[in-house]
Amino acid sequence: MTRDGNKALLDHKADGRTVLLFGLTLVGDAALTTDYLWGVGCGWALESSAWLADEVGPVLTQPAPSAADVDRALQRYARRHHHELAAHHFFIADLAGGRMLNPLERLMFAAAAHDERLASNLAHYGGRVITPWQFLSPAKVARSLRVQTAASRATRATTAATR
């Protein structure tokens, strides 16, 4: 609330940070703050923690791990973190500003309403099971164009028949 009692929106900045800096490694929201509307914070925190353990754990269980081995493991973690989350974060942050959907997004979402495979593709994208690039693959865009064209023709035919 503002001082005068009016409700105010929080300025929640979607922020990406360097996950590895001078021996400090970040996970979860410390590494990547994303618009909370999408509900990915806890999941990404758990996933990034598991990735860190996967990379650093085997090194730390060696009898005498070297600092260089630990650093290489941390670099692998940082690369994986970026590879797994950067594209999703970009699209979430891009939408968080309140912009309208672009024509490609409108096409993909509208076609998903008419086609079970595209709906499944959208659900997998929304659930962060596939990357944005898999969601927007040329084959999926082509299918969306075909489905949406057919749906538009059917709508026009139905409208013409009822006149």
N, C-alpha and C. Protein backbone atom coordinates (compact mmCIF):
# COMPACT_ATOMS: atom_id res chain seq x y z
N MET A 1 0.83 -1.18 0.00
CA MET A 1 0.00 0.00 0.00
C MET A 1 0.88 1.25 0.00
N THR A 2 0.38 2.25 -0.66
CA THR A 2 1.08 3.53 -0.64
C THR A 2 0.69 4.28 0.62
N ARG A 3 1.37 5.39 0.88
CA ARG A 3 1.09 6.16 2.10
C ARG A 3 -0.34 6.67 2.15
N ASP A 4 -0.92 6.94 0.97
CA ASP A 4 -2.28 7.48 0.98
C ASP A 4 -3.34 6.38 0.99
N GLY A 5 -2.91 5.10 1.17
CA GLY A 5 -3.86 4.00 1.29
C GLY A 5 -4.23 3.33 -0.01
N ASN A 6 -3.73 3.81 -1.15
CA ASN A 6 -4.02 3.17 -2.43
C ASN A 6 -3.17 1.93 -2.61
N LYS A 7 -3.75 0.93 -3.25
CA LYS A 7 -2.99 -0.27 -3.54
C LYS A 7 -1.99 0.05 -4.65
N ALA A 8 -0.82 -0.50 -4.54
CA ALA A 8 0.22 -0.28 -5.55
C ALA A 8 0.81 -1.63 -5.94
N LEU A 9 1.17 -1.76 -7.18
CA LEU A 9 1.82 -2.98 -7.64
C LEU A 9 3.27 -2.98 -7.19
N LEU A 10 3.75 -4.13 -6.84
CA LEU A 10 5.15 -4.26 -6.52
C LEU A 10 5.97 -4.19 -7.80
N ASP A 11 7.09 -3.54 -7.73
CA ASP A 11 8.00 -3.52 -8.87
C ASP A 11 8.90 -4.74 -8.73
N HIS A 12 8.42 -5.86 -9.26
CA HIS A 12 9.14 -7.13 -9.14
C HIS A 12 9.97 -7.31 -10.40
N LYS A 13 11.25 -7.04 -10.29
CA LYS A 13 12.13 -7.13 -11.44
C LYS A 13 12.59 -8.57 -11.64
N ALA A 14 12.40 -9.09 -12.85
CA ALA A 14 12.92 -10.40 -13.21
C ALA A 14 14.42 -10.24 -13.44
N ASP A 15 15.20 -10.91 -12.66
CA ASP A 15 16.63 -10.67 -12.65
C ASP A 15 17.41 -11.95 -12.85
N GLY A 16 18.39 -11.90 -13.72
CA GLY A 16 19.32 -13.00 -13.87
C GLY A 16 20.66 -12.56 -13.33
N ARG A 17 21.35 -13.47 -12.68
CA ARG A 17 22.64 -13.14 -12.09
C ARG A 17 23.68 -14.17 -12.53
N THR A 18 24.93 -13.84 -12.32
CA THR A 18 25.99 -14.81 -12.53
C THR A 18 25.89 -15.83 -11.42
N VAL A 19 25.78 -17.12 -11.78
CA VAL A 19 25.59 -18.14 -10.75
C VAL A 19 26.90 -18.55 -10.08
N LEU A 20 28.00 -18.12 -10.64
CA LEU A 20 29.30 -18.48 -10.08
C LEU A 20 30.20 -17.26 -10.13
N LEU A 21 30.69 -16.85 -8.99
CA LEU A 21 31.55 -15.67 -8.94
C LEU A 21 32.48 -15.79 -7.74
N PHE A 22 33.77 -15.86 -8.00
CA PHE A 22 34.79 -15.91 -6.95
C PHE A 22 34.52 -17.00 -5.91
N GLY A 23 34.18 -18.19 -6.38
CA GLY A 23 33.96 -19.30 -5.46
C GLY A 23 32.59 -19.32 -4.81
N LEU A 24 31.79 -18.32 -5.04
CA LEU A 24 30.43 -18.28 -4.51
C LEU A 24 29.50 -18.83 -5.58
N THR A 25 28.69 -19.80 -5.21
CA THR A 25 27.77 -20.42 -6.15
C THR A 25 26.34 -20.14 -5.69
N LEU A 26 25.49 -19.74 -6.62
CA LEU A 26 24.12 -19.40 -6.30
C LEU A 26 23.16 -20.45 -6.86
N VAL A 27 22.06 -20.68 -6.13
CA VAL A 27 20.99 -21.54 -6.59
C VAL A 27 19.66 -20.83 -6.34
N GLY A 28 18.61 -21.33 -6.95
CA GLY A 28 17.28 -20.80 -6.70
C GLY A 28 17.14 -19.33 -7.05
N ASP A 29 16.35 -18.61 -6.27
CA ASP A 29 16.09 -17.20 -6.53
C ASP A 29 17.35 -16.34 -6.38
N ALA A 30 18.33 -16.82 -5.64
CA ALA A 30 19.58 -16.07 -5.55
C ALA A 30 20.28 -16.03 -6.90
N ALA A 31 20.09 -17.08 -7.70
CA ALA A 31 20.71 -17.15 -9.02
C ALA A 31 19.83 -16.53 -10.10
N LEU A 32 18.54 -16.62 -9.92
CA LEU A 32 17.64 -16.19 -10.99
C LEU A 32 16.28 -15.86 -10.39
N THR A 33 15.93 -14.59 -10.35
CA THR A 33 14.63 -14.17 -9.85
C THR A 33 13.71 -14.00 -11.05
N THR A 34 12.63 -14.74 -11.06
CA THR A 34 11.71 -14.74 -12.19
C THR A 34 10.32 -14.34 -11.70
N ASP A 35 9.54 -13.77 -12.58
CA ASP A 35 8.17 -13.36 -12.27
C ASP A 35 7.44 -14.49 -11.54
N TYR A 36 6.99 -14.23 -10.34
CA TYR A 36 6.37 -15.25 -9.50
C TYR A 36 5.06 -15.79 -10.05
N LEU A 37 4.44 -15.10 -10.99
CA LEU A 37 3.17 -15.55 -11.57
C LEU A 37 3.30 -16.95 -12.16
N TRP A 38 4.47 -17.29 -12.69
CA TRP A 38 4.66 -18.56 -13.38
C TRP A 38 4.93 -19.72 -12.42
N GLY A 39 5.18 -19.45 -11.17
CA GLY A 39 5.33 -20.49 -10.16
C GLY A 39 6.54 -21.40 -10.36
N VAL A 40 7.64 -20.86 -10.82
CA VAL A 40 8.81 -21.70 -11.10
C VAL A 40 9.90 -21.59 -10.02
N GLY A 41 9.76 -20.68 -9.09
CA GLY A 41 10.82 -20.41 -8.13
C GLY A 41 11.28 -21.61 -7.32
N CYS A 42 10.37 -22.28 -6.64
CA CYS A 42 10.76 -23.43 -5.82
C CYS A 42 11.28 -24.57 -6.69
N GLY A 43 10.62 -24.81 -7.80
CA GLY A 43 11.07 -25.89 -8.69
C GLY A 43 12.46 -25.63 -9.21
N TRP A 44 12.71 -24.39 -9.64
CA TRP A 44 14.05 -24.07 -10.16
C TRP A 44 15.09 -24.10 -9.04
N ALA A 45 14.70 -23.75 -7.83
CA ALA A 45 15.64 -23.82 -6.71
C ALA A 45 16.04 -25.27 -6.45
N LEU A 46 15.06 -26.16 -6.45
CA LEU A 46 15.36 -27.58 -6.22
C LEU A 46 16.16 -28.17 -7.37
N GLU A 47 15.77 -27.83 -8.61
CA GLU A 47 16.51 -28.34 -9.76
C GLU A 47 17.96 -27.85 -9.76
N SER A 48 18.15 -26.55 -9.54
CA SER A 48 19.51 -26.03 -9.58
C SER A 48 20.35 -26.59 -8.44
N SER A 49 19.74 -26.85 -7.30
CA SER A 49 20.47 -27.49 -6.20
C SER A 49 20.91 -28.89 -6.58
N ALA A 50 20.02 -29.62 -7.25
CA ALA A 50 20.36 -30.98 -7.70
C ALA A 50 21.48 -30.93 -8.75
N TRP A 51 21.43 -29.96 -9.66
CA TRP A 51 22.49 -29.84 -10.67
C TRP A 51 23.83 -29.54 -10.00
N LEU A 52 23.80 -28.67 -9.00
CA LEU A 52 25.03 -28.36 -8.28
C LEU A 52 25.58 -29.61 -7.59
N ALA A 53 24.71 -30.35 -6.95
CA ALA A 53 25.14 -31.59 -6.28
C ALA A 53 25.67 -32.60 -7.30
N ASP A 54 25.00 -32.71 -8.45
CA ASP A 54 25.45 -33.64 -9.49
C ASP A 54 26.86 -33.31 -9.97
N GLU A 55 27.17 -32.04 -10.09
CA GLU A 55 28.47 -31.64 -10.62
C GLU A 55 29.57 -31.62 -9.55
N VAL A 56 29.25 -31.13 -8.38
CA VAL A 56 30.28 -30.94 -7.36
C VAL A 56 30.42 -32.17 -6.45
N GLY A 57 29.32 -32.88 -6.23
CA GLY A 57 29.35 -34.02 -5.32
C GLY A 57 30.43 -35.04 -5.62
N PRO A 58 30.51 -35.53 -6.87
CA PRO A 58 31.55 -36.53 -7.16
C PRO A 58 32.97 -36.02 -6.92
N VAL A 59 33.20 -34.75 -7.15
CA VAL A 59 34.53 -34.17 -6.93
C VAL A 59 34.83 -34.12 -5.43
N LEU A 60 33.86 -33.71 -4.66
CA LEU A 60 34.08 -33.57 -3.22
C LEU A 60 34.21 -34.90 -2.50
N THR A 61 33.75 -35.98 -3.11
CA THR A 61 33.89 -37.29 -2.48
C THR A 61 35.24 -37.94 -2.78
N GLN A 62 36.06 -37.31 -3.61
CA GLN A 62 37.41 -37.80 -3.86
C GLN A 62 38.24 -37.61 -2.59
N PRO A 63 39.25 -38.46 -2.39
CA PRO A 63 40.06 -38.34 -1.16
C PRO A 63 40.69 -36.96 -0.97
N ALA A 64 41.19 -36.36 -2.03
CA ALA A 64 41.82 -35.04 -1.91
C ALA A 64 41.47 -34.21 -3.14
N PRO A 65 40.26 -33.67 -3.18
CA PRO A 65 39.88 -32.90 -4.37
C PRO A 65 40.71 -31.62 -4.47
N SER A 66 41.14 -31.32 -5.67
CA SER A 66 41.90 -30.08 -5.86
C SER A 66 40.94 -28.92 -6.09
N ALA A 67 41.43 -27.74 -5.81
CA ALA A 67 40.63 -26.54 -6.05
C ALA A 67 40.28 -26.42 -7.53
N ALA A 68 41.20 -26.82 -8.39
CA ALA A 68 40.95 -26.76 -9.84
C ALA A 68 39.81 -27.71 -10.23
N ASP A 69 39.77 -28.90 -9.63
CA ASP A 69 38.69 -29.85 -9.91
C ASP A 69 37.34 -29.28 -9.46
N VAL A 70 37.34 -28.68 -8.29
CA VAL A 70 36.10 -28.07 -7.77
C VAL A 70 35.68 -26.92 -8.68
N ASP A 71 36.63 -26.10 -9.09
CA ASP A 71 36.31 -24.98 -9.99
C ASP A 71 35.72 -25.48 -11.31
N ARG A 72 36.29 -26.54 -11.87
CA ARG A 72 35.75 -27.09 -13.13
C ARG A 72 34.33 -27.62 -12.92
N ALA A 73 34.08 -28.27 -11.79
CA ALA A 73 32.74 -28.76 -11.49
C ALA A 73 31.76 -27.59 -11.36
N LEU A 74 32.20 -26.53 -10.72
CA LEU A 74 31.33 -25.35 -10.58
C LEU A 74 31.07 -24.70 -11.93
N GLN A 75 32.05 -24.69 -12.81
CA GLN A 75 31.84 -24.16 -14.16
C GLN A 75 30.82 -25.01 -14.92
N ARG A 76 30.89 -26.32 -14.77
CA ARG A 76 29.90 -27.20 -15.42
C ARG A 76 28.50 -26.90 -14.90
N TYR A 77 28.40 -26.68 -13.57
CA TYR A 77 27.11 -26.32 -13.00
C TYR A 77 26.60 -25.01 -13.59
N ALA A 78 27.47 -24.01 -13.68
CA ALA A 78 27.07 -22.70 -14.21
C ALA A 78 26.59 -22.83 -15.66
N ARG A 79 27.29 -23.63 -16.46
CA ARG A 79 26.86 -23.83 -17.85
C ARG A 79 25.51 -24.55 -17.92
N ARG A 80 25.34 -25.56 -17.08
CA ARG A 80 24.07 -26.28 -17.09
C ARG A 80 22.93 -25.38 -16.65
N HIS A 81 23.15 -24.60 -15.61
CA HIS A 81 22.13 -23.68 -15.12
C HIS A 81 21.69 -22.75 -16.24
N HIS A 82 22.65 -22.19 -16.94
CA HIS A 82 22.34 -21.29 -18.05
C HIS A 82 21.61 -22.03 -19.17
N HIS A 83 22.11 -23.20 -19.54
CA HIS A 83 21.51 -23.97 -20.63
C HIS A 83 20.06 -24.35 -20.32
N GLU A 84 19.80 -24.75 -19.10
CA GLU A 84 18.47 -25.24 -18.72
C GLU A 84 17.45 -24.12 -18.52
N LEU A 85 17.89 -22.97 -18.01
CA LEU A 85 16.92 -21.96 -17.55
C LEU A 85 16.91 -20.64 -18.30
N ALA A 86 17.97 -20.31 -18.99
CA ALA A 86 18.08 -18.96 -19.57
C ALA A 86 16.95 -18.64 -20.55
N ALA A 87 16.63 -19.56 -21.45
CA ALA A 87 15.59 -19.27 -22.45
C ALA A 87 14.22 -19.12 -21.78
N HIS A 88 13.90 -20.02 -20.83
CA HIS A 88 12.62 -19.88 -20.12
C HIS A 88 12.57 -18.54 -19.40
N HIS A 89 13.66 -18.20 -18.71
CA HIS A 89 13.69 -16.94 -17.98
C HIS A 89 13.49 -15.75 -18.93
N PHE A 90 14.13 -15.79 -20.09
CA PHE A 90 14.00 -14.70 -21.05
C PHE A 90 12.54 -14.49 -21.44
N PHE A 91 11.84 -15.58 -21.79
CA PHE A 91 10.45 -15.45 -22.23
C PHE A 91 9.53 -15.02 -21.08
N ILE A 92 9.77 -15.53 -19.89
CA ILE A 92 8.96 -15.12 -18.74
C ILE A 92 9.18 -13.64 -18.45
N ALA A 93 10.44 -13.21 -18.44
CA ALA A 93 10.74 -11.81 -18.16
C ALA A 93 10.17 -10.90 -19.24
N ASP A 94 10.22 -11.36 -20.49
CA ASP A 94 9.69 -10.57 -21.60
C ASP A 94 8.19 -10.35 -21.45
N LEU A 95 7.47 -11.38 -21.03
CA LEU A 95 6.02 -11.24 -20.84
C LEU A 95 5.66 -10.48 -19.56
N ALA A 96 6.56 -10.46 -18.59
CA ALA A 96 6.26 -9.85 -17.29
C ALA A 96 6.02 -8.34 -17.40
N GLY A 97 6.51 -7.74 -18.46
CA GLY A 97 6.32 -6.30 -18.62
C GLY A 97 4.92 -5.91 -19.03
N GLY A 98 4.05 -6.88 -19.29
CA GLY A 98 2.67 -6.58 -19.63
C GLY A 98 2.43 -6.35 -21.11
N ARG A 99 3.39 -6.72 -21.94
CA ARG A 99 3.21 -6.52 -23.38
C ARG A 99 2.15 -7.46 -23.93
N MET A 100 1.64 -7.13 -25.09
CA MET A 100 0.68 -7.99 -25.78
C MET A 100 1.44 -9.17 -26.39
N LEU A 101 0.74 -10.27 -26.60
CA LEU A 101 1.35 -11.41 -27.27
C LEU A 101 1.72 -11.02 -28.69
N ASN A 102 2.84 -11.52 -29.18
CA ASN A 102 3.22 -11.25 -30.56
C ASN A 102 2.48 -12.23 -31.48
N PRO A 103 2.50 -12.01 -32.79
CA PRO A 103 1.73 -12.87 -33.70
C PRO A 103 2.09 -14.35 -33.60
N LEU A 104 3.35 -14.67 -33.41
CA LEU A 104 3.74 -16.08 -33.30
C LEU A 104 3.17 -16.70 -32.03
N GLU A 105 3.22 -15.99 -30.92
CA GLU A 105 2.64 -16.49 -29.67
C GLU A 105 1.13 -16.67 -29.82
N ARG A 106 0.45 -15.69 -30.42
CA ARG A 106 -1.00 -15.82 -30.62
C ARG A 106 -1.32 -17.05 -31.48
N LEU A 107 -0.55 -17.26 -32.53
CA LEU A 107 -0.75 -18.42 -33.40
C LEU A 107 -0.61 -19.71 -32.61
N MET A 108 0.49 -19.84 -31.88
CA MET A 108 0.76 -21.09 -31.16
C MET A 108 -0.32 -21.37 -30.10
N PHE A 109 -0.74 -20.36 -29.38
CA PHE A 109 -1.74 -20.54 -28.33
C PHE A 109 -3.12 -20.83 -28.93
N ALA A 110 -3.49 -20.11 -29.99
CA ALA A 110 -4.80 -20.33 -30.62
C ALA A 110 -4.87 -21.71 -31.26
N ALA A 111 -3.82 -22.13 -31.93
CA ALA A 111 -3.83 -23.45 -32.58
C ALA A 111 -3.91 -24.57 -31.54
N ALA A 112 -3.33 -24.36 -30.38
CA ALA A 112 -3.38 -25.37 -29.33
C ALA A 112 -4.82 -25.64 -28.87
N ALA A 113 -5.69 -24.66 -29.04
CA ALA A 113 -7.09 -24.84 -28.66
C ALA A 113 -7.83 -25.77 -29.62
N HIS A 114 -7.24 -26.02 -30.80
CA HIS A 114 -7.89 -26.83 -31.83
C HIS A 114 -7.20 -28.15 -32.10
N ASP A 115 -6.07 -28.42 -31.47
CA ASP A 115 -5.29 -29.59 -31.82
C ASP A 115 -4.68 -30.20 -30.56
N GLU A 116 -4.94 -31.48 -30.33
CA GLU A 116 -4.49 -32.14 -29.11
C GLU A 116 -2.96 -32.20 -29.01
N ARG A 117 -2.28 -32.45 -30.13
CA ARG A 117 -0.81 -32.51 -30.10
C ARG A 117 -0.21 -31.14 -29.78
N LEU A 118 -0.79 -30.10 -30.35
CA LEU A 118 -0.29 -28.76 -30.05
C LEU A 118 -0.63 -28.34 -28.62
N ALA A 119 -1.78 -28.80 -28.13
CA ALA A 119 -2.14 -28.52 -26.74
C ALA A 119 -1.16 -29.20 -25.79
N SER A 120 -0.78 -30.42 -26.13
CA SER A 120 0.22 -31.14 -25.33
C SER A 120 1.57 -30.43 -25.38
N ASN A 121 1.93 -29.95 -26.57
CA ASN A 121 3.17 -29.19 -26.73
C ASN A 121 3.16 -27.94 -25.85
N LEU A 122 2.03 -27.23 -25.84
CA LEU A 122 1.89 -26.04 -25.01
C LEU A 122 1.98 -26.38 -23.52
N ALA A 123 1.34 -27.48 -23.13
CA ALA A 123 1.39 -27.91 -21.72
C ALA A 123 2.82 -28.26 -21.32
N HIS A 124 3.55 -28.91 -22.21
CA HIS A 124 4.94 -29.25 -21.91
C HIS A 124 5.81 -28.00 -21.80
N TYR A 125 5.54 -27.04 -22.65
CA TYR A 125 6.28 -25.77 -22.58
C TYR A 125 5.94 -25.04 -21.28
N GLY A 126 4.66 -24.92 -20.99
CA GLY A 126 4.23 -24.23 -19.77
C GLY A 126 4.73 -24.92 -18.52
N GLY A 127 4.86 -26.25 -18.58
CA GLY A 127 5.38 -27.00 -17.44
C GLY A 127 6.90 -27.06 -17.40
N ARG A 128 7.54 -26.38 -18.32
CA ARG A 128 9.00 -26.32 -18.42
C ARG A 128 9.63 -27.70 -18.66
N VAL A 129 8.86 -28.58 -19.33
CA VAL A 129 9.37 -29.90 -19.68
C VAL A 129 10.19 -29.81 -20.97
N ILE A 130 9.81 -28.88 -21.85
CA ILE A 130 10.56 -28.64 -23.08
C ILE A 130 11.01 -27.19 -23.10
N THR A 131 12.00 -26.91 -23.91
CA THR A 131 12.53 -25.54 -24.01
C THR A 131 11.63 -24.70 -24.92
N PRO A 132 11.76 -23.38 -24.82
CA PRO A 132 11.02 -22.52 -25.76
C PRO A 132 11.35 -22.86 -27.22
N TRP A 133 12.59 -23.27 -27.47
CA TRP A 133 13.00 -23.57 -28.84
C TRP A 133 12.30 -24.84 -29.34
N GLN A 134 12.07 -25.80 -28.46
CA GLN A 134 11.31 -27.00 -28.85
C GLN A 134 9.84 -26.64 -29.07
N PHE A 135 9.31 -25.77 -28.23
CA PHE A 135 7.92 -25.33 -28.37
C PHE A 135 7.72 -24.60 -29.70
N LEU A 136 8.71 -23.79 -30.08
CA LEU A 136 8.61 -22.99 -31.30
C LEU A 136 9.39 -23.60 -32.47
N SER A 137 9.52 -24.91 -32.48
CA SER A 137 10.27 -25.56 -33.56
C SER A 137 9.56 -25.32 -34.89
N PRO A 138 10.29 -25.34 -35.99
CA PRO A 138 9.66 -25.13 -37.30
C PRO A 138 8.50 -26.10 -37.57
N ALA A 139 8.65 -27.34 -37.16
CA ALA A 139 7.57 -28.32 -37.37
C ALA A 139 6.31 -27.94 -36.58
N LYS A 140 6.48 -27.46 -35.36
CA LYS A 140 5.34 -27.08 -34.52
C LYS A 140 4.68 -25.81 -35.06
N VAL A 141 5.49 -24.87 -35.54
CA VAL A 141 4.93 -23.64 -36.12
C VAL A 141 4.16 -23.98 -37.39
N ALA A 142 4.72 -24.86 -38.23
CA ALA A 142 4.03 -25.25 -39.47
C ALA A 142 2.71 -25.94 -39.14
N ARG A 143 2.71 -26.83 -38.17
CA ARG A 143 1.47 -27.50 -37.77
C ARG A 143 0.46 -26.48 -37.25
N SER A 144 0.93 -25.52 -36.46
CA SER A 144 0.04 -24.47 -35.94
C SER A 144 -0.58 -23.66 -37.07
N LEU A 145 0.21 -23.35 -38.07
CA LEU A 145 -0.32 -22.62 -39.23
C LEU A 145 -1.41 -23.43 -39.93
N ARG A 146 -1.15 -24.72 -40.15
CA ARG A 146 -2.16 -25.57 -40.81
C ARG A 146 -3.43 -25.68 -39.97
N VAL A 147 -3.27 -25.91 -38.68
CA VAL A 147 -4.42 -26.07 -37.79
C VAL A 147 -5.22 -24.77 -37.71
N GLN A 148 -4.54 -23.67 -37.55
CA GLN A 148 -5.24 -22.39 -37.40
C GLN A 148 -5.92 -21.99 -38.70
N THR A 149 -5.29 -22.28 -39.84
CA THR A 149 -5.92 -22.00 -41.14
C THR A 149 -7.20 -22.81 -41.29
N ALA A 150 -7.13 -24.09 -40.95
CA ALA A 150 -8.32 -24.94 -41.03
C ALA A 150 -9.41 -24.46 -40.07
N ALA A 151 -9.01 -24.05 -38.87
CA ALA A 151 -9.99 -23.57 -37.89
C ALA A 151 -10.65 -22.28 -38.37
N SER A 152 -9.88 -21.40 -38.98
CA SER A 152 -10.43 -20.14 -39.51
C SER A 152 -11.40 -20.42 -40.65
N ARG A 153 -11.05 -21.36 -41.53
CA ARG A 153 -11.95 -21.72 -42.63
C ARG A 153 -13.25 -22.31 -42.09
N ALA A 154 -13.16 -23.16 -41.10
CA ALA A 154 -14.35 -23.78 -40.51
C ALA A 154 -15.24 -22.72 -39.87
N THR A 155 -14.64 -21.76 -39.21
CA THR A 155 -15.40 -20.69 -38.58
C THR A 155 -16.12 -19.85 -39.62
N ARG A 156 -15.40 -19.51 -40.72
CA ARG A 156 -16.02 -18.73 -41.79
C ARG A 156 -17.15 -19.51 -42.44
N ALA A 157 -16.96 -20.80 -42.66
CA ALA A 157 -18.00 -21.62 -43.28
C ALA A 157 -19.23 -21.70 -42.39
N THR A 158 -19.02 -21.86 -41.11
CA THR A 158 -20.14 -21.92 -40.16
C THR A 158 -20.88 -20.58 -40.12
N THR A 159 -20.13 -19.49 -40.11
CA THR A 159 -20.73 -18.16 -40.10
C THR A 159 -21.53 -17.91 -41.36
N ALA A 160 -21.00 -18.31 -42.51
CA ALA A 160 -21.70 -18.13 -43.79
C ALA A 160 -22.96 -18.99 -43.84
N ALA A 161 -22.91 -20.17 -43.28
CA ALA A 161 -24.07 -21.07 -43.31
C ALA A 161 -25.21 -20.56 -42.43
N THR A 162 -24.90 -19.82 -41.39
CA THR A 162 -25.94 -19.35 -40.47
C THR A 162 -26.57 -18.03 -40.92
N ARG A 163 -26.04 -17.45 -41.98
CA ARG A 163 -26.59 -16.17 -42.45
C ARG A 163 -27.78 -16.36 -43.32
